[in-house]
Amino acid sequence: MNSDDRLLTVDEAAERLGTGVRFIRRLIAERRVRYVKLGKHVRIAESVLTAFVEERTVEPVRVRRAGYGLVV
């Protein structure tokens, strides 16, 4: 987390990922993302969300067909 990294609310994090608030709260409860606790408020750094997405990004695989619909 950078010192100039913006801290997002749970609602903002959900909007950024295009998910529901419940998913973000589950990530926090299961400690699958780093977060900052400020009293009763929870914040997630933008860089944490970026890293979360990058770690779970699946690269496409080029598929070659070898005759009659068999995939190799």
PDB file of N, CA and C in Angstrom:
ATOM      1  N   MET A   1       0.849  -1.182   0.000  1.00  0.00           N
ATOM      2  CA  MET A   1       0.000   0.000   0.000  1.00  0.00           C
ATOM      3  C   MET A   1       0.891   1.240   0.000  1.00  0.00           C
ATOM      4  N   ASN A   2       0.654   2.132  -0.954  1.00  0.00           N
ATOM      5  CA  ASN A   2       1.405   3.378  -1.053  1.00  0.00           C
ATOM      6  C   ASN A   2       0.867   4.400  -0.074  1.00  0.00           C
ATOM      7  N   SER A   3       1.684   5.380   0.259  1.00  0.00           N
ATOM      8  CA  SER A   3       1.220   6.436   1.151  1.00  0.00           C
ATOM      9  C   SER A   3       0.199   7.336   0.460  1.00  0.00           C
ATOM     10  N   ASP A   4       0.231   7.413  -0.874  1.00  0.00           N
ATOM     11  CA  ASP A   4      -0.730   8.232  -1.610  1.00  0.00           C
ATOM     12  C   ASP A   4      -1.877   7.395  -2.172  1.00  0.00           C
ATOM     13  N   ASP A   5      -1.998   6.163  -1.709  1.00  0.00           N
ATOM     14  CA  ASP A   5      -3.046   5.244  -2.144  1.00  0.00           C
ATOM     15  C   ASP A   5      -4.375   5.665  -1.521  1.00  0.00           C
ATOM     16  N   ARG A   6      -5.407   5.718  -2.325  1.00  0.00           N
ATOM     17  CA  ARG A   6      -6.722   6.117  -1.830  1.00  0.00           C
ATOM     18  C   ARG A   6      -7.384   4.945  -1.115  1.00  0.00           C
ATOM     19  N   LEU A   7      -7.969   5.207   0.041  1.00  0.00           N
ATOM     20  CA  LEU A   7      -8.702   4.192   0.791  1.00  0.00           C
ATOM     21  C   LEU A   7     -10.170   4.240   0.380  1.00  0.00           C
ATOM     22  N   LEU A   8     -10.702   3.089  -0.015  1.00  0.00           N
ATOM     23  CA  LEU A   8     -12.078   3.001  -0.488  1.00  0.00           C
ATOM     24  C   LEU A   8     -12.982   2.402   0.579  1.00  0.00           C
ATOM     25  N   THR A   9     -14.215   2.862   0.603  1.00  0.00           N
ATOM     26  CA  THR A   9     -15.214   2.247   1.471  1.00  0.00           C
ATOM     27  C   THR A   9     -15.597   0.901   0.867  1.00  0.00           C
ATOM     28  N   VAL A  10     -16.337   0.122   1.601  1.00  0.00           N
ATOM     29  CA  VAL A  10     -16.803  -1.170   1.106  1.00  0.00           C
ATOM     30  C   VAL A  10     -17.689  -0.956  -0.123  1.00  0.00           C
ATOM     31  N   ASP A  11     -18.550   0.045  -0.085  1.00  0.00           N
ATOM     32  CA  ASP A  11     -19.417   0.352  -1.222  1.00  0.00           C
ATOM     33  C   ASP A  11     -18.602   0.731  -2.460  1.00  0.00           C
ATOM     34  N   GLU A  12     -17.591   1.566  -2.268  1.00  0.00           N
ATOM     35  CA  GLU A  12     -16.742   1.983  -3.385  1.00  0.00           C
ATOM     36  C   GLU A  12     -15.951   0.808  -3.954  1.00  0.00           C
ATOM     37  N   ALA A  13     -15.472  -0.072  -3.077  1.00  0.00           N
ATOM     38  CA  ALA A  13     -14.723  -1.251  -3.519  1.00  0.00           C
ATOM     39  C   ALA A  13     -15.629  -2.174  -4.336  1.00  0.00           C
ATOM     40  N   ALA A  14     -16.858  -2.356  -3.880  1.00  0.00           N
ATOM     41  CA  ALA A  14     -17.812  -3.195  -4.608  1.00  0.00           C
ATOM     42  C   ALA A  14     -18.104  -2.598  -5.980  1.00  0.00           C
ATOM     43  N   GLU A  15     -18.278  -1.312  -6.037  1.00  0.00           N
ATOM     44  CA  GLU A  15     -18.533  -0.646  -7.314  1.00  0.00           C
ATOM     45  C   GLU A  15     -17.325  -0.779  -8.245  1.00  0.00           C
ATOM     46  N   ARG A  16     -16.140  -0.624  -7.697  1.00  0.00           N
ATOM     47  CA  ARG A  16     -14.906  -0.720  -8.491  1.00  0.00           C
ATOM     48  C   ARG A  16     -14.758  -2.112  -9.105  1.00  0.00           C
ATOM     49  N   LEU A  17     -15.122  -3.157  -8.342  1.00  0.00           N
ATOM     50  CA  LEU A  17     -15.004  -4.521  -8.861  1.00  0.00           C
ATOM     51  C   LEU A  17     -16.243  -4.974  -9.626  1.00  0.00           C
ATOM     52  N   GLY A  18     -17.293  -4.182  -9.562  1.00  0.00           N
ATOM     53  CA  GLY A  18     -18.528  -4.567 -10.245  1.00  0.00           C
ATOM     54  C   GLY A  18     -19.237  -5.707  -9.549  1.00  0.00           C
ATOM     55  N   THR A  19     -19.126  -5.741  -8.228  1.00  0.00           N
ATOM     56  CA  THR A  19     -19.754  -6.808  -7.442  1.00  0.00           C
ATOM     57  C   THR A  19     -20.675  -6.181  -6.402  1.00  0.00           C
ATOM     58  N   GLY A  20     -21.276  -7.028  -5.614  1.00  0.00           N
ATOM     59  CA  GLY A  20     -22.111  -6.546  -4.530  1.00  0.00           C
ATOM     60  C   GLY A  20     -21.282  -6.302  -3.275  1.00  0.00           C
ATOM     61  N   VAL A  21     -21.838  -5.543  -2.367  1.00  0.00           N
ATOM     62  CA  VAL A  21     -21.184  -5.243  -1.089  1.00  0.00           C
ATOM     63  C   VAL A  21     -20.957  -6.529  -0.298  1.00  0.00           C
ATOM     64  N   ARG A  22     -21.880  -7.457  -0.422  1.00  0.00           N
ATOM     65  CA  ARG A  22     -21.781  -8.718   0.322  1.00  0.00           C
ATOM     66  C   ARG A  22     -20.512  -9.489  -0.039  1.00  0.00           C
ATOM     67  N   PHE A  23     -20.125  -9.475  -1.325  1.00  0.00           N
ATOM     68  CA  PHE A  23     -18.905 -10.148  -1.769  1.00  0.00           C
ATOM     69  C   PHE A  23     -17.676  -9.516  -1.120  1.00  0.00           C
ATOM     70  N   ILE A  24     -17.620  -8.199  -1.083  1.00  0.00           N
ATOM     71  CA  ILE A  24     -16.485  -7.491  -0.474  1.00  0.00           C
ATOM     72  C   ILE A  24     -16.421  -7.802   1.017  1.00  0.00           C
ATOM     73  N   ARG A  25     -17.561  -7.781   1.667  1.00  0.00           N
ATOM     74  CA  ARG A  25     -17.579  -8.090   3.108  1.00  0.00           C
ATOM     75  C   ARG A  25     -17.120  -9.524   3.365  1.00  0.00           C
ATOM     76  N   ARG A  26     -17.447 -10.454   2.464  1.00  0.00           N
ATOM     77  CA  ARG A  26     -16.988 -11.838   2.617  1.00  0.00           C
ATOM     78  C   ARG A  26     -15.474 -11.926   2.431  1.00  0.00           C
ATOM     79  N   LEU A  27     -14.929 -11.186   1.456  1.00  0.00           N
ATOM     80  CA  LEU A  27     -13.475 -11.156   1.274  1.00  0.00           C
ATOM     81  C   LEU A  27     -12.781 -10.666   2.545  1.00  0.00           C
ATOM     82  N   ILE A  28     -13.371  -9.669   3.171  1.00  0.00           N
ATOM     83  CA  ILE A  28     -12.807  -9.115   4.406  1.00  0.00           C
ATOM     84  C   ILE A  28     -12.924 -10.132   5.541  1.00  0.00           C
ATOM     85  N   ALA A  29     -14.095 -10.714   5.703  1.00  0.00           N
ATOM     86  CA  ALA A  29     -14.332 -11.671   6.794  1.00  0.00           C
ATOM     87  C   ALA A  29     -13.409 -12.882   6.680  1.00  0.00           C
ATOM     88  N   GLU A  30     -13.161 -13.317   5.439  1.00  0.00           N
ATOM     89  CA  GLU A  30     -12.292 -14.476   5.218  1.00  0.00           C
ATOM     90  C   GLU A  30     -10.827 -14.077   5.117  1.00  0.00           C
ATOM     91  N   ARG A  31     -10.555 -12.793   5.290  1.00  0.00           N
ATOM     92  CA  ARG A  31      -9.199 -12.225   5.224  1.00  0.00           C
ATOM     93  C   ARG A  31      -8.492 -12.591   3.920  1.00  0.00           C
ATOM     94  N   ARG A  32      -9.237 -12.490   2.826  1.00  0.00           N
ATOM     95  CA  ARG A  32      -8.667 -12.756   1.507  1.00  0.00           C
ATOM     96  C   ARG A  32      -8.108 -11.494   0.875  1.00  0.00           C
ATOM     97  N   VAL A  33      -8.404 -10.335   1.472  1.00  0.00           N
ATOM     98  CA  VAL A  33      -7.823  -9.058   1.032  1.00  0.00           C
ATOM     99  C   VAL A  33      -7.324  -8.307   2.258  1.00  0.00           C
ATOM    100  N   ARG A  34      -6.299  -7.486   2.040  1.00  0.00           N
ATOM    101  CA  ARG A  34      -5.806  -6.630   3.126  1.00  0.00           C
ATOM    102  C   ARG A  34      -6.759  -5.455   3.265  1.00  0.00           C
ATOM    103  N   TYR A  35      -6.994  -5.060   4.496  1.00  0.00           N
ATOM    104  CA  TYR A  35      -7.874  -3.923   4.744  1.00  0.00           C
ATOM    105  C   TYR A  35      -7.387  -3.134   5.940  1.00  0.00           C
ATOM    106  N   VAL A  36      -7.931  -1.930   6.078  1.00  0.00           N
ATOM    107  CA  VAL A  36      -7.580  -1.054   7.191  1.00  0.00           C
ATOM    108  C   VAL A  36      -8.830  -0.869   8.035  1.00  0.00           C
ATOM    109  N   LYS A  37      -8.684  -1.043   9.323  1.00  0.00           N
ATOM    110  CA  LYS A  37      -9.809  -0.862  10.224  1.00  0.00           C
ATOM    111  C   LYS A  37      -9.621   0.456  10.972  1.00  0.00           C
ATOM    112  N   LEU A  38     -10.548   1.374  10.785  1.00  0.00           N
ATOM    113  CA  LEU A  38     -10.521   2.679  11.448  1.00  0.00           C
ATOM    114  C   LEU A  38     -11.731   2.770  12.362  1.00  0.00           C
ATOM    115  N   GLY A  39     -11.532   2.360  13.609  1.00  0.00           N
ATOM    116  CA  GLY A  39     -12.673   2.274  14.516  1.00  0.00           C
ATOM    117  C   GLY A  39     -13.581   1.165  14.029  1.00  0.00           C
ATOM    118  N   LYS A  40     -14.839   1.492  13.770  1.00  0.00           N
ATOM    119  CA  LYS A  40     -15.760   0.491  13.233  1.00  0.00           C
ATOM    120  C   LYS A  40     -15.800   0.500  11.706  1.00  0.00           C
ATOM    121  N   HIS A  41     -15.084   1.421  11.088  1.00  0.00           N
ATOM    122  CA  HIS A  41     -15.072   1.546   9.636  1.00  0.00           C
ATOM    123  C   HIS A  41     -13.958   0.711   9.020  1.00  0.00           C
ATOM    124  N   VAL A  42     -14.252   0.120   7.870  1.00  0.00           N
ATOM    125  CA  VAL A  42     -13.286  -0.691   7.143  1.00  0.00           C
ATOM    126  C   VAL A  42     -13.004  -0.009   5.816  1.00  0.00           C
ATOM    127  N   ARG A  43     -11.731   0.065   5.451  1.00  0.00           N
ATOM    128  CA  ARG A  43     -11.323   0.673   4.183  1.00  0.00           C
ATOM    129  C   ARG A  43     -10.369  -0.282   3.477  1.00  0.00           C
ATOM    130  N   ILE A  44     -10.442  -0.259   2.145  1.00  0.00           N
ATOM    131  CA  ILE A  44      -9.565  -1.089   1.323  1.00  0.00           C
ATOM    132  C   ILE A  44      -8.821  -0.168   0.372  1.00  0.00           C
ATOM    133  N   ALA A  45      -7.502  -0.314   0.321  1.00  0.00           N
ATOM    134  CA  ALA A  45      -6.689   0.526  -0.555  1.00  0.00           C
ATOM    135  C   ALA A  45      -6.917   0.138  -2.016  1.00  0.00           C
ATOM    136  N   GLU A  46      -6.868   1.136  -2.890  1.00  0.00           N
ATOM    137  CA  GLU A  46      -7.029   0.879  -4.331  1.00  0.00           C
ATOM    138  C   GLU A  46      -6.008  -0.131  -4.833  1.00  0.00           C
ATOM    139  N   SER A  47      -4.768  -0.026  -4.351  1.00  0.00           N
ATOM    140  CA  SER A  47      -3.714  -0.937  -4.800  1.00  0.00           C
ATOM    141  C   SER A  47      -4.020  -2.380  -4.398  1.00  0.00           C
ATOM    142  N   VAL A  48      -4.710  -2.570  -3.290  1.00  0.00           N
ATOM    143  CA  VAL A  48      -5.076  -3.915  -2.845  1.00  0.00           C
ATOM    144  C   VAL A  48      -6.076  -4.523  -3.827  1.00  0.00           C
ATOM    145  N   LEU A  49      -7.043  -3.721  -4.262  1.00  0.00           N
ATOM    146  CA  LEU A  49      -8.015  -4.212  -5.237  1.00  0.00           C
ATOM    147  C   LEU A  49      -7.348  -4.511  -6.577  1.00  0.00           C
ATOM    148  N   THR A  50      -6.447  -3.645  -6.985  1.00  0.00           N
ATOM    149  CA  THR A  50      -5.725  -3.856  -8.237  1.00  0.00           C
ATOM    150  C   THR A  50      -4.934  -5.161  -8.175  1.00  0.00           C
ATOM    151  N   ALA A  51      -4.231  -5.384  -7.073  1.00  0.00           N
ATOM    152  CA  ALA A  51      -3.449  -6.611  -6.902  1.00  0.00           C
ATOM    153  C   ALA A  51      -4.364  -7.834  -6.873  1.00  0.00           C
ATOM    154  N   PHE A  52      -5.516  -7.712  -6.215  1.00  0.00           N
ATOM    155  CA  PHE A  52      -6.477  -8.808  -6.127  1.00  0.00           C
ATOM    156  C   PHE A  52      -6.928  -9.226  -7.527  1.00  0.00           C
ATOM    157  N   VAL A  53      -7.244  -8.253  -8.359  1.00  0.00           N
ATOM    158  CA  VAL A  53      -7.686  -8.549  -9.727  1.00  0.00           C
ATOM    159  C   VAL A  53      -6.541  -9.144 -10.541  1.00  0.00           C
ATOM    160  N   GLU A  54      -5.356  -8.566 -10.443  1.00  0.00           N
ATOM    161  CA  GLU A  54      -4.214  -9.060 -11.217  1.00  0.00           C
ATOM    162  C   GLU A  54      -3.845 -10.494 -10.849  1.00  0.00           C
ATOM    163  N   GLU A  55      -3.923 -10.828  -9.562  1.00  0.00           N
ATOM    164  CA  GLU A  55      -3.584 -12.181  -9.111  1.00  0.00           C
ATOM    165  C   GLU A  55      -4.575 -13.218  -9.624  1.00  0.00           C
ATOM    166  N   ARG A  56      -5.800 -12.789  -9.889  1.00  0.00           N
ATOM    167  CA  ARG A  56      -6.834 -13.722 -10.305  1.00  0.00           C
ATOM    168  C   ARG A  56      -7.157 -13.644 -11.790  1.00  0.00           C
ATOM    169  N   THR A  57      -6.389 -12.875 -12.527  1.00  0.00           N
ATOM    170  CA  THR A  57      -6.603 -12.760 -13.962  1.00  0.00           C
ATOM    171  C   THR A  57      -6.040 -13.993 -14.656  1.00  0.00           C
ATOM    172  N   VAL A  58      -6.860 -14.607 -15.473  1.00  0.00           N
ATOM    173  CA  VAL A  58      -6.478 -15.817 -16.188  1.00  0.00           C
ATOM    174  C   VAL A  58      -6.152 -15.430 -17.623  1.00  0.00           C
ATOM    175  N   GLU A  59      -4.963 -15.786 -18.056  1.00  0.00           N
ATOM    176  CA  GLU A  59      -4.526 -15.480 -19.414  1.00  0.00           C
ATOM    177  C   GLU A  59      -5.162 -16.459 -20.393  1.00  0.00           C
ATOM    178  N   PRO A  60      -5.532 -15.989 -21.576  1.00  0.00           N
ATOM    179  CA  PRO A  60      -6.132 -16.890 -22.559  1.00  0.00           C
ATOM    180  C   PRO A  60      -5.095 -17.869 -23.108  1.00  0.00           C
ATOM    181  N   VAL A  61      -5.572 -19.024 -23.511  1.00  0.00           N
ATOM    182  CA  VAL A  61      -4.713 -20.050 -24.077  1.00  0.00           C
ATOM    183  C   VAL A  61      -5.084 -20.196 -25.547  1.00  0.00           C
ATOM    184  N   ARG A  62      -4.076 -20.191 -26.407  1.00  0.00           N
ATOM    185  CA  ARG A  62      -4.341 -20.404 -27.834  1.00  0.00           C
ATOM    186  C   ARG A  62      -4.571 -21.885 -28.045  1.00  0.00           C
ATOM    187  N   VAL A  63      -5.657 -22.200 -28.673  1.00  0.00           N
ATOM    188  CA  VAL A  63      -6.020 -23.593 -28.897  1.00  0.00           C
ATOM    189  C   VAL A  63      -5.870 -23.906 -30.382  1.00  0.00           C
ATOM    190  N   ARG A  64      -5.208 -24.994 -30.672  1.00  0.00           N
ATOM    191  CA  ARG A  64      -5.019 -25.469 -32.038  1.00  0.00           C
ATOM    192  C   ARG A  64      -5.924 -26.660 -32.271  1.00  0.00           C
ATOM    193  N   ARG A  65      -6.635 -26.639 -33.333  1.00  0.00           N
ATOM    194  CA  ARG A  65      -7.496 -27.781 -33.635  1.00  0.00           C
ATOM    195  C   ARG A  65      -6.726 -28.778 -34.505  1.00  0.00           C
ATOM    196  N   ALA A  66      -6.804 -30.044 -34.127  1.00  0.00           N
ATOM    197  CA  ALA A  66      -6.112 -31.101 -34.874  1.00  0.00           C
ATOM    198  C   ALA A  66      -7.139 -32.007 -35.523  1.00  0.00           C
ATOM    199  N   GLY A  67      -7.705 -31.554 -36.597  1.00  0.00           N
ATOM    200  CA  GLY A  67      -8.666 -32.354 -37.357  1.00  0.00           C
ATOM    201  C   GLY A  67      -9.956 -32.639 -36.621  1.00  0.00           C
ATOM    202  N   TYR A  68     -10.988 -32.921 -37.272  1.00  0.00           N
ATOM    203  CA  TYR A  68     -12.288 -33.385 -36.797  1.00  0.00           C
ATOM    204  C   TYR A  68     -12.716 -32.891 -35.403  1.00  0.00           C
ATOM    205  N   GLY A  69     -12.450 -31.649 -35.087  1.00  0.00           N
ATOM    206  CA  GLY A  69     -12.946 -31.058 -33.857  1.00  0.00           C
ATOM    207  C   GLY A  69     -12.200 -31.437 -32.593  1.00  0.00           C
ATOM    208  N   LEU A  70     -11.114 -32.188 -32.711  1.00  0.00           N
ATOM    209  CA  LEU A  70     -10.335 -32.507 -31.510  1.00  0.00           C
ATOM    210  C   LEU A  70      -9.504 -31.312 -31.110  1.00  0.00           C
ATOM    211  N   VAL A  71      -9.486 -30.993 -29.878  1.00  0.00           N
ATOM    212  CA  VAL A  71      -8.696 -29.866 -29.375  1.00  0.00           C
ATOM    213  C   VAL A  71      -7.412 -30.390 -28.781  1.00  0.00           C
ATOM    214  N   VAL A  72      -6.303 -29.813 -29.209  1.00  0.00           N
ATOM    215  CA  VAL A  72      -4.996 -30.250 -28.703  1.00  0.00           C
ATOM    216  C   VAL A  72      -4.363 -29.111 -27.944  1.00  0.00           C
TER     217      VAL A  72
END
